[in-house]
Amino acid sequence: IERKTAKLIEVSCLIGGIIGDATVPEMEGLQKFSFYLGKAFQIQDDLLDIMSCEEVAGKPMGSDIAAKKKTYPTIHFLEHCSPQQKKEFLKIWRKNKISDSDIQRIKELFITSQTITTAQKEVDRLIRQSMNNLEYFQDTEMKHQLKKVVMKIKERNS
């Protein structure tokens, strides 16, 4: 998941640090901050795709599943599910077209396997890691704004 939205957020923050003449320690902190924040954002987006309706997420529920995207929940599920769950999942995944009922079944598999709960906990962990890396910065308005960004991502529902 590091090569998706997470990398875009990381590079964007680093460009901001370069433009703002950040010190080397600040750049290191910014890199770590944005890396963890980007991963949290991506997993949160993956969860919204599975758990939210189109009106909330801004795209049809399960569109990542229908497109067979390799998301954090999909990867985690396949690494931790039972053999029977894996067999059922792969039977659906290998279809030419994944139906709405198939998407609903995969969602149920993700819930019963604790994949959703684990992904939510991972978002929380990454948010904490991101916030911890703000210690590299003095207590300025910029630092407060970065904290606000983190909280918006944590509370994000669309």
N, C-alpha and C. Protein backbone atom coordinates (compact mmCIF):
# COMPACT_ATOMS: atom_id res chain seq x y z
N ILE A 1 0.81 -1.21 0.00
CA ILE A 1 0.00 0.00 0.00
C ILE A 1 0.85 1.26 0.00
N GLU A 2 2.15 1.09 0.20
CA GLU A 2 3.02 2.27 0.23
C GLU A 2 3.13 2.95 -1.12
N ARG A 3 2.81 2.27 -2.20
CA ARG A 3 2.99 2.84 -3.53
C ARG A 3 1.73 3.55 -4.04
N LYS A 4 0.74 3.63 -3.24
CA LYS A 4 -0.51 4.24 -3.67
C LYS A 4 -0.56 5.68 -3.16
N THR A 5 -1.68 6.05 -2.62
CA THR A 5 -1.89 7.41 -2.11
C THR A 5 -0.86 7.77 -1.06
N ALA A 6 -0.39 6.80 -0.30
CA ALA A 6 0.59 7.06 0.76
C ALA A 6 1.83 7.75 0.20
N LYS A 7 2.33 7.29 -0.92
CA LYS A 7 3.54 7.88 -1.51
C LYS A 7 3.26 9.30 -2.00
N LEU A 8 2.08 9.54 -2.55
CA LEU A 8 1.71 10.88 -3.00
C LEU A 8 1.70 11.87 -1.83
N ILE A 9 1.14 11.45 -0.71
CA ILE A 9 1.10 12.32 0.47
C ILE A 9 2.52 12.57 0.99
N GLU A 10 3.32 11.53 1.02
CA GLU A 10 4.70 11.67 1.50
C GLU A 10 5.48 12.65 0.63
N VAL A 11 5.44 12.48 -0.68
CA VAL A 11 6.18 13.36 -1.58
C VAL A 11 5.66 14.79 -1.49
N SER A 12 4.36 14.96 -1.38
CA SER A 12 3.78 16.31 -1.27
C SER A 12 4.29 17.01 -0.02
N CYS A 13 4.32 16.30 1.09
CA CYS A 13 4.82 16.90 2.33
C CYS A 13 6.29 17.25 2.23
N LEU A 14 7.07 16.38 1.61
CA LEU A 14 8.50 16.65 1.48
C LEU A 14 8.76 17.87 0.58
N ILE A 15 7.98 18.00 -0.47
CA ILE A 15 8.10 19.19 -1.31
C ILE A 15 7.80 20.44 -0.49
N GLY A 16 6.77 20.36 0.34
CA GLY A 16 6.44 21.49 1.22
C GLY A 16 7.59 21.82 2.16
N GLY A 17 8.25 20.78 2.67
CA GLY A 17 9.41 21.01 3.54
C GLY A 17 10.56 21.67 2.81
N ILE A 18 10.79 21.26 1.58
CA ILE A 18 11.86 21.86 0.78
C ILE A 18 11.55 23.33 0.50
N ILE A 19 10.32 23.60 0.08
CA ILE A 19 9.92 24.99 -0.21
C ILE A 19 9.98 25.84 1.05
N GLY A 20 9.64 25.25 2.20
CA GLY A 20 9.64 25.99 3.45
C GLY A 20 10.98 26.02 4.17
N ASP A 21 12.05 25.57 3.50
CA ASP A 21 13.40 25.57 4.08
C ASP A 21 13.47 24.83 5.41
N ALA A 22 12.86 23.66 5.48
CA ALA A 22 12.92 22.86 6.69
C ALA A 22 14.35 22.39 6.94
N THR A 23 14.69 22.24 8.21
CA THR A 23 16.01 21.73 8.59
C THR A 23 16.06 20.23 8.29
N VAL A 24 17.26 19.66 8.34
CA VAL A 24 17.41 18.22 8.09
C VAL A 24 16.57 17.41 9.10
N PRO A 25 16.64 17.71 10.42
CA PRO A 25 15.80 16.95 11.35
C PRO A 25 14.31 17.13 11.06
N GLU A 26 13.91 18.34 10.66
CA GLU A 26 12.50 18.57 10.32
C GLU A 26 12.09 17.77 9.09
N MET A 27 12.97 17.68 8.11
CA MET A 27 12.69 16.90 6.90
C MET A 27 12.55 15.42 7.25
N GLU A 28 13.41 14.94 8.14
CA GLU A 28 13.30 13.54 8.57
C GLU A 28 11.97 13.31 9.28
N GLY A 29 11.62 14.22 10.15
CA GLY A 29 10.34 14.12 10.86
C GLY A 29 9.16 14.21 9.90
N LEU A 30 9.26 15.09 8.93
CA LEU A 30 8.20 15.27 7.94
C LEU A 30 8.05 14.02 7.08
N GLN A 31 9.18 13.42 6.74
CA GLN A 31 9.12 12.19 5.94
C GLN A 31 8.40 11.09 6.72
N LYS A 32 8.77 10.90 7.98
CA LYS A 32 8.12 9.85 8.79
C LYS A 32 6.66 10.19 9.05
N PHE A 33 6.40 11.44 9.39
CA PHE A 33 5.03 11.90 9.62
C PHE A 33 4.15 11.59 8.42
N SER A 34 4.61 12.00 7.24
CA SER A 34 3.79 11.85 6.03
C SER A 34 3.69 10.40 5.58
N PHE A 35 4.73 9.61 5.81
CA PHE A 35 4.69 8.19 5.46
C PHE A 35 3.58 7.49 6.23
N TYR A 36 3.56 7.67 7.55
CA TYR A 36 2.53 7.04 8.38
C TYR A 36 1.14 7.62 8.09
N LEU A 37 1.07 8.91 7.88
CA LEU A 37 -0.20 9.55 7.58
C LEU A 37 -0.76 9.05 6.24
N GLY A 38 0.10 8.93 5.26
CA GLY A 38 -0.33 8.43 3.95
C GLY A 38 -0.84 7.02 4.00
N LYS A 39 -0.16 6.17 4.76
CA LYS A 39 -0.64 4.79 4.91
C LYS A 39 -1.98 4.76 5.63
N ALA A 40 -2.13 5.57 6.67
CA ALA A 40 -3.40 5.63 7.40
C ALA A 40 -4.52 6.09 6.47
N PHE A 41 -4.24 7.11 5.67
CA PHE A 41 -5.22 7.63 4.72
C PHE A 41 -5.65 6.53 3.76
N GLN A 42 -4.70 5.79 3.23
CA GLN A 42 -5.00 4.75 2.24
C GLN A 42 -5.84 3.63 2.85
N ILE A 43 -5.49 3.19 4.04
CA ILE A 43 -6.27 2.12 4.67
C ILE A 43 -7.67 2.62 5.01
N GLN A 44 -7.76 3.86 5.48
CA GLN A 44 -9.07 4.45 5.76
C GLN A 44 -9.91 4.48 4.48
N ASP A 45 -9.29 4.83 3.37
CA ASP A 45 -9.99 4.85 2.09
C ASP A 45 -10.45 3.44 1.70
N ASP A 46 -9.60 2.45 1.94
CA ASP A 46 -9.97 1.06 1.67
C ASP A 46 -11.18 0.65 2.50
N LEU A 47 -11.20 1.05 3.76
CA LEU A 47 -12.32 0.73 4.65
C LEU A 47 -13.60 1.42 4.20
N LEU A 48 -13.48 2.68 3.81
CA LEU A 48 -14.66 3.41 3.33
C LEU A 48 -15.25 2.73 2.10
N ASP A 49 -14.42 2.22 1.24
CA ASP A 49 -14.88 1.53 0.04
C ASP A 49 -15.74 0.31 0.40
N ILE A 50 -15.38 -0.35 1.48
CA ILE A 50 -16.09 -1.56 1.89
C ILE A 50 -17.30 -1.25 2.76
N MET A 51 -17.16 -0.30 3.67
CA MET A 51 -18.16 -0.12 4.72
C MET A 51 -19.14 1.04 4.51
N SER A 52 -18.87 1.93 3.57
CA SER A 52 -19.72 3.10 3.39
C SER A 52 -20.61 2.95 2.16
N CYS A 53 -21.67 3.73 2.14
CA CYS A 53 -22.53 3.77 0.98
C CYS A 53 -21.97 4.77 -0.03
N GLU A 54 -22.47 4.73 -1.24
CA GLU A 54 -21.97 5.60 -2.31
C GLU A 54 -22.10 7.08 -1.95
N GLU A 55 -23.18 7.45 -1.26
CA GLU A 55 -23.39 8.85 -0.90
C GLU A 55 -22.30 9.35 0.05
N VAL A 56 -21.80 8.49 0.91
CA VAL A 56 -20.77 8.87 1.88
C VAL A 56 -19.37 8.79 1.26
N ALA A 57 -19.08 7.67 0.61
CA ALA A 57 -17.73 7.44 0.08
C ALA A 57 -17.45 8.18 -1.23
N GLY A 58 -18.51 8.56 -1.94
CA GLY A 58 -18.31 9.24 -3.20
C GLY A 58 -18.04 8.31 -4.36
N LYS A 59 -18.16 7.02 -4.13
CA LYS A 59 -18.01 6.02 -5.18
C LYS A 59 -18.84 4.81 -4.75
N PRO A 60 -19.20 3.96 -5.70
CA PRO A 60 -20.04 2.81 -5.33
C PRO A 60 -19.35 1.92 -4.28
N MET A 61 -20.13 1.45 -3.30
CA MET A 61 -19.59 0.56 -2.28
C MET A 61 -18.98 -0.67 -2.95
N GLY A 62 -17.78 -1.00 -2.54
CA GLY A 62 -17.12 -2.19 -3.05
C GLY A 62 -16.49 -2.02 -4.42
N SER A 63 -16.31 -0.80 -4.86
CA SER A 63 -15.73 -0.60 -6.20
C SER A 63 -14.30 -1.13 -6.29
N ASP A 64 -13.55 -1.06 -5.18
CA ASP A 64 -12.20 -1.62 -5.19
C ASP A 64 -12.25 -3.14 -5.32
N ILE A 65 -13.22 -3.76 -4.68
CA ILE A 65 -13.39 -5.22 -4.78
C ILE A 65 -13.79 -5.57 -6.21
N ALA A 66 -14.77 -4.85 -6.75
CA ALA A 66 -15.23 -5.12 -8.12
C ALA A 66 -14.08 -4.98 -9.12
N ALA A 67 -13.17 -4.04 -8.85
CA ALA A 67 -12.01 -3.83 -9.73
C ALA A 67 -10.84 -4.74 -9.38
N LYS A 68 -11.03 -5.56 -8.36
CA LYS A 68 -10.01 -6.52 -7.89
C LYS A 68 -8.70 -5.84 -7.52
N LYS A 69 -8.83 -4.69 -6.83
CA LYS A 69 -7.65 -3.97 -6.37
C LYS A 69 -7.06 -4.65 -5.14
N LYS A 70 -5.75 -4.64 -5.05
CA LYS A 70 -5.06 -5.21 -3.89
C LYS A 70 -5.02 -4.14 -2.80
N THR A 71 -5.94 -4.25 -1.87
CA THR A 71 -6.05 -3.28 -0.78
C THR A 71 -5.55 -3.91 0.51
N TYR A 72 -5.35 -3.08 1.51
CA TYR A 72 -4.93 -3.60 2.82
C TYR A 72 -5.90 -4.68 3.32
N PRO A 73 -7.22 -4.43 3.31
CA PRO A 73 -8.12 -5.49 3.80
C PRO A 73 -8.00 -6.79 3.00
N THR A 74 -7.85 -6.69 1.69
CA THR A 74 -7.74 -7.91 0.88
C THR A 74 -6.46 -8.67 1.23
N ILE A 75 -5.37 -7.96 1.31
CA ILE A 75 -4.09 -8.60 1.63
C ILE A 75 -4.13 -9.21 3.03
N HIS A 76 -4.62 -8.44 4.01
CA HIS A 76 -4.69 -8.95 5.38
C HIS A 76 -5.58 -10.19 5.44
N PHE A 77 -6.73 -10.10 4.81
CA PHE A 77 -7.66 -11.23 4.83
C PHE A 77 -6.99 -12.49 4.30
N LEU A 78 -6.37 -12.40 3.13
CA LEU A 78 -5.76 -13.58 2.53
C LEU A 78 -4.62 -14.15 3.36
N GLU A 79 -3.96 -13.31 4.13
CA GLU A 79 -2.87 -13.78 4.99
C GLU A 79 -3.35 -14.40 6.29
N HIS A 80 -4.59 -14.08 6.72
CA HIS A 80 -5.04 -14.49 8.05
C HIS A 80 -6.35 -15.29 8.09
N CYS A 81 -6.98 -15.50 6.96
CA CYS A 81 -8.28 -16.19 6.97
C CYS A 81 -8.10 -17.70 7.06
N SER A 82 -9.21 -18.36 7.30
CA SER A 82 -9.20 -19.82 7.34
C SER A 82 -9.12 -20.36 5.90
N PRO A 83 -8.72 -21.61 5.75
CA PRO A 83 -8.69 -22.18 4.39
C PRO A 83 -10.06 -22.14 3.70
N GLN A 84 -11.11 -22.37 4.45
CA GLN A 84 -12.46 -22.33 3.86
C GLN A 84 -12.81 -20.92 3.41
N GLN A 85 -12.49 -19.91 4.23
CA GLN A 85 -12.76 -18.53 3.85
C GLN A 85 -11.96 -18.15 2.60
N LYS A 86 -10.71 -18.58 2.55
CA LYS A 86 -9.87 -18.27 1.40
C LYS A 86 -10.44 -18.90 0.13
N LYS A 87 -10.88 -20.12 0.24
CA LYS A 87 -11.47 -20.82 -0.91
C LYS A 87 -12.69 -20.06 -1.41
N GLU A 88 -13.56 -19.65 -0.51
CA GLU A 88 -14.76 -18.91 -0.89
C GLU A 88 -14.41 -17.57 -1.52
N PHE A 89 -13.47 -16.87 -0.91
CA PHE A 89 -13.03 -15.57 -1.44
C PHE A 89 -12.48 -15.72 -2.85
N LEU A 90 -11.57 -16.66 -3.04
CA LEU A 90 -10.92 -16.82 -4.35
C LEU A 90 -11.91 -17.25 -5.43
N LYS A 91 -12.92 -18.01 -5.05
CA LYS A 91 -13.96 -18.40 -6.01
C LYS A 91 -14.66 -17.15 -6.55
N ILE A 92 -14.93 -16.21 -5.67
CA ILE A 92 -15.56 -14.94 -6.08
C ILE A 92 -14.55 -14.10 -6.86
N TRP A 93 -13.34 -13.98 -6.35
CA TRP A 93 -12.32 -13.10 -6.92
C TRP A 93 -11.96 -13.49 -8.36
N ARG A 94 -12.05 -14.77 -8.65
CA ARG A 94 -11.66 -15.26 -9.98
C ARG A 94 -12.75 -15.10 -11.04
N LYS A 95 -13.92 -14.65 -10.64
CA LYS A 95 -15.00 -14.44 -11.59
C LYS A 95 -14.62 -13.29 -12.54
N ASN A 96 -15.16 -13.34 -13.75
CA ASN A 96 -14.94 -12.24 -14.70
C ASN A 96 -15.56 -10.95 -14.20
N LYS A 97 -16.74 -11.05 -13.62
CA LYS A 97 -17.43 -9.87 -13.10
C LYS A 97 -17.93 -10.19 -11.69
N ILE A 98 -17.56 -9.35 -10.75
CA ILE A 98 -17.98 -9.53 -9.37
C ILE A 98 -19.29 -8.77 -9.17
N SER A 99 -20.32 -9.49 -8.75
CA SER A 99 -21.66 -8.90 -8.59
C SER A 99 -21.78 -8.18 -7.24
N ASP A 100 -22.87 -7.43 -7.10
CA ASP A 100 -23.14 -6.75 -5.82
C ASP A 100 -23.29 -7.75 -4.69
N SER A 101 -23.91 -8.89 -4.95
CA SER A 101 -24.05 -9.90 -3.89
C SER A 101 -22.69 -10.52 -3.54
N ASP A 102 -21.81 -10.64 -4.53
CA ASP A 102 -20.45 -11.11 -4.26
C ASP A 102 -19.70 -10.11 -3.38
N ILE A 103 -19.86 -8.83 -3.69
CA ILE A 103 -19.22 -7.78 -2.88
C ILE A 103 -19.73 -7.84 -1.45
N GLN A 104 -21.02 -8.03 -1.30
CA GLN A 104 -21.60 -8.14 0.05
C GLN A 104 -21.03 -9.35 0.78
N ARG A 105 -20.85 -10.46 0.08
CA ARG A 105 -20.30 -11.66 0.72
C ARG A 105 -18.84 -11.44 1.13
N ILE A 106 -18.07 -10.78 0.29
CA ILE A 106 -16.68 -10.48 0.66
C ILE A 106 -16.66 -9.57 1.87
N LYS A 107 -17.54 -8.59 1.91
CA LYS A 107 -17.64 -7.71 3.08
C LYS A 107 -17.91 -8.54 4.34
N GLU A 108 -18.83 -9.48 4.25
CA GLU A 108 -19.14 -10.34 5.39
C GLU A 108 -17.93 -11.17 5.80
N LEU A 109 -17.19 -11.68 4.81
CA LEU A 109 -15.97 -12.43 5.12
C LEU A 109 -14.94 -11.55 5.84
N PHE A 110 -14.80 -10.32 5.37
CA PHE A 110 -13.87 -9.38 6.01
C PHE A 110 -14.29 -9.09 7.45
N ILE A 111 -15.58 -8.99 7.69
CA ILE A 111 -16.07 -8.71 9.04
C ILE A 111 -15.87 -9.91 9.94
N THR A 112 -16.29 -11.08 9.51
CA THR A 112 -16.19 -12.27 10.37
C THR A 112 -14.75 -12.70 10.64
N SER A 113 -13.85 -12.36 9.74
CA SER A 113 -12.44 -12.72 9.93
C SER A 113 -11.67 -11.69 10.75
N GLN A 114 -12.37 -10.65 11.20
CA GLN A 114 -11.76 -9.55 11.96
C GLN A 114 -10.85 -8.66 11.12
N THR A 115 -10.92 -8.80 9.81
CA THR A 115 -10.10 -7.97 8.93
C THR A 115 -10.45 -6.49 9.06
N ILE A 116 -11.73 -6.18 9.15
CA ILE A 116 -12.15 -4.78 9.28
C ILE A 116 -11.65 -4.20 10.59
N THR A 117 -11.84 -4.94 11.68
CA THR A 117 -11.39 -4.48 12.99
C THR A 117 -9.88 -4.28 13.00
N THR A 118 -9.15 -5.21 12.42
CA THR A 118 -7.69 -5.11 12.36
C THR A 118 -7.27 -3.89 11.54
N ALA A 119 -7.94 -3.65 10.43
CA ALA A 119 -7.61 -2.49 9.60
C ALA A 119 -7.88 -1.19 10.35
N GLN A 120 -8.99 -1.14 11.10
CA GLN A 120 -9.29 0.06 11.88
C GLN A 120 -8.22 0.30 12.95
N LYS A 121 -7.78 -0.77 13.58
CA LYS A 121 -6.71 -0.65 14.58
C LYS A 121 -5.40 -0.20 13.93
N GLU A 122 -5.15 -0.67 12.73
CA GLU A 122 -3.93 -0.26 12.02
C GLU A 122 -3.99 1.23 11.67
N VAL A 123 -5.15 1.72 11.27
CA VAL A 123 -5.30 3.16 11.01
C VAL A 123 -4.98 3.94 12.28
N ASP A 124 -5.52 3.51 13.41
CA ASP A 124 -5.26 4.19 14.68
C ASP A 124 -3.77 4.17 15.03
N ARG A 125 -3.12 3.02 14.82
CA ARG A 125 -1.68 2.90 15.10
C ARG A 125 -0.87 3.85 14.22
N LEU A 126 -1.20 3.88 12.95
CA LEU A 126 -0.47 4.74 12.01
C LEU A 126 -0.70 6.22 12.31
N ILE A 127 -1.90 6.56 12.74
CA ILE A 127 -2.20 7.94 13.13
C ILE A 127 -1.32 8.33 14.33
N ARG A 128 -1.23 7.44 15.31
CA ARG A 128 -0.37 7.72 16.49
C ARG A 128 1.09 7.88 16.05
N GLN A 129 1.55 6.99 15.17
CA GLN A 129 2.94 7.09 14.68
C GLN A 129 3.16 8.42 13.97
N SER A 130 2.20 8.81 13.16
CA SER A 130 2.31 10.08 12.45
C SER A 130 2.41 11.24 13.43
N MET A 131 1.51 11.26 14.41
CA MET A 131 1.51 12.33 15.42
C MET A 131 2.82 12.35 16.20
N ASN A 132 3.36 11.18 16.53
CA ASN A 132 4.62 11.10 17.27
C ASN A 132 5.77 11.79 16.52
N ASN A 133 5.69 11.78 15.21
CA ASN A 133 6.77 12.38 14.42
C ASN A 133 6.65 13.89 14.28
N LEU A 134 5.63 14.46 14.88
CA LEU A 134 5.53 15.92 14.92
C LEU A 134 6.42 16.51 16.01
N GLU A 135 7.03 15.63 16.83
CA GLU A 135 7.93 16.11 17.88
C GLU A 135 9.16 16.79 17.31
N TYR A 136 9.44 16.56 16.03
CA TYR A 136 10.59 17.19 15.38
C TYR A 136 10.37 18.69 15.17
N PHE A 137 9.14 19.14 15.33
CA PHE A 137 8.79 20.52 15.02
C PHE A 137 8.53 21.32 16.28
N GLN A 138 8.91 22.59 16.21
CA GLN A 138 8.59 23.51 17.31
C GLN A 138 7.09 23.70 17.35
N ASP A 139 6.61 24.17 18.50
CA ASP A 139 5.18 24.39 18.69
C ASP A 139 4.77 25.66 17.94
N THR A 140 4.46 25.49 16.66
CA THR A 140 4.11 26.62 15.80
C THR A 140 2.73 26.39 15.20
N GLU A 141 2.25 27.38 14.48
CA GLU A 141 0.96 27.26 13.79
C GLU A 141 1.01 26.11 12.77
N MET A 142 2.15 25.94 12.11
CA MET A 142 2.29 24.85 11.14
C MET A 142 2.07 23.49 11.81
N LYS A 143 2.66 23.32 12.98
CA LYS A 143 2.51 22.06 13.70
C LYS A 143 1.03 21.85 14.07
N HIS A 144 0.37 22.89 14.49
CA HIS A 144 -1.06 22.77 14.84
C HIS A 144 -1.88 22.43 13.60
N GLN A 145 -1.53 22.99 12.46
CA GLN A 145 -2.25 22.68 11.22
C GLN A 145 -2.03 21.22 10.80
N LEU A 146 -0.80 20.73 10.97
CA LEU A 146 -0.53 19.33 10.65
C LEU A 146 -1.34 18.40 11.56
N LYS A 147 -1.46 18.76 12.83
CA LYS A 147 -2.28 17.96 13.75
C LYS A 147 -3.74 17.94 13.30
N LYS A 148 -4.23 19.08 12.81
CA LYS A 148 -5.60 19.15 12.31
C LYS A 148 -5.80 18.23 11.11
N VAL A 149 -4.80 18.19 10.23
CA VAL A 149 -4.87 17.30 9.07
C VAL A 149 -4.97 15.85 9.52
N VAL A 150 -4.15 15.49 10.48
CA VAL A 150 -4.17 14.12 11.01
C VAL A 150 -5.56 13.79 11.57
N MET A 151 -6.13 14.68 12.34
CA MET A 151 -7.44 14.42 12.95
C MET A 151 -8.53 14.33 11.88
N LYS A 152 -8.43 15.12 10.83
CA LYS A 152 -9.41 15.04 9.74
C LYS A 152 -9.35 13.68 9.06
N ILE A 153 -8.15 13.18 8.88
CA ILE A 153 -8.00 11.85 8.25
C ILE A 153 -8.55 10.78 9.18
N LYS A 154 -8.27 10.90 10.46
CA LYS A 154 -8.77 9.91 11.42
C LYS A 154 -10.29 9.88 11.43
N GLU A 155 -10.91 11.05 11.34
CA GLU A 155 -12.37 11.16 11.42
C GLU A 155 -13.04 11.08 10.06
N ARG A 156 -12.25 10.89 9.03
CA ARG A 156 -12.75 10.90 7.65
C ARG A 156 -13.80 9.83 7.41
N ASN A 157 -14.87 10.24 6.76
CA ASN A 157 -15.90 9.27 6.39
C ASN A 157 -16.33 9.43 4.94
N SER A 158 -15.58 10.20 4.18
CA SER A 158 -15.85 10.31 2.74
C SER A 158 -14.58 10.68 2.00
